[in-house]
Amino acid sequence: MLVEKLTTVCGSTIFVKVKMLRDFIQGQKRKKRKNPTAEKVAEVNQRLAEKELAMILNFNFKPGDLHLVLTYKHLPSNEEAHKALERFIKRCRAYMKRLGKEFKAVIATEYKHKRLHHHIVCSAAELEEIMKIWKQGHVKCSVLDMSGDYRRLAAYLIKETSKTFRDPDAFSKRRYNTTRNIQKPVTKSEKVSASMLLSNPKPIKGYYIDQDSVYKGENPFDEKPYVEYVMISEDAEAPRLVTWKRGKKARKENTYSKWLVKNLSKQIEIDISF
């Protein structure tokens, strides 16, 4: 049995996935690939989308950074909203540059069942200045907490944008967008013992495992098992690890988007491009 461990250090959190790569003996025929339901593949993609965004948030943002909600007094067209959002990002970047700071942002837009509004997770800034820059409506603001773990926020944003980004008239064809300076964490791949897949996960020194994050699943095509979990630093302000030194850089996980395109009659495509 060949087993791979994928490890991604993101701020005070470490995302781990242990999965089976091969379970057949050399010389034997490979098992036939399954034909899963589109709903099952969509469910897997939804989980991947939430994890991707959570890793980006945890890697790029810290306690004290902001989650903004920008609203409109008067309902704009998509074109008007795009221009207003671009102006806002440009002016925020200029304001932060004057202070000698960098402005990072992840943007998601909702409009389906509520008035169009933007969710922006961004670098810490003076709320008074933000309100001066955004003149189209109200600014609601919450501060990212001290945990450094923003998986719940990521899940909320993915859930909400899943309702809209696939529509022909969607504000954006992506679940979310980012400023160019948003960095993507590096995932390291290493071959490990099969016991890591079969036994309960154990945390490394200085971290504990969020038991709610432990998830055991199967690849929808070949039914090979995997387990995922998240380790959280016991000291959120000064995590012991910044990078994972073992292994080599891993490829991005397959999201099965091409398969969903071919099966569009069964299920609307779900993609996690950004």
Foldseek 3Di string as FASTA:
>chain_A
DWKKWKWFDFQQKIKIKIFDDDDDDPPDDDDAWADFAPVVLVVVLLVVLLVQVQSLQLRFDAFQWKKKKFAAPDQDALVVVVVLVVQLVVVVQVVQVVVVHGKKWKKAWAPDPHGIMIIIGIGHDDVVVSCVSRPRGDMDMDTDHHQSGCSVVSSVLSVRLVVALLDPRGSHVASIDIDPPRDGTWMFMDIDDCVCFVDDDDDDPQWHWDVVQWDWFADRTRRTIMIITMIGGPRSVDRPDDGDDDHHTDDDDDSCQVVCVVVCVRPRGDDHDD
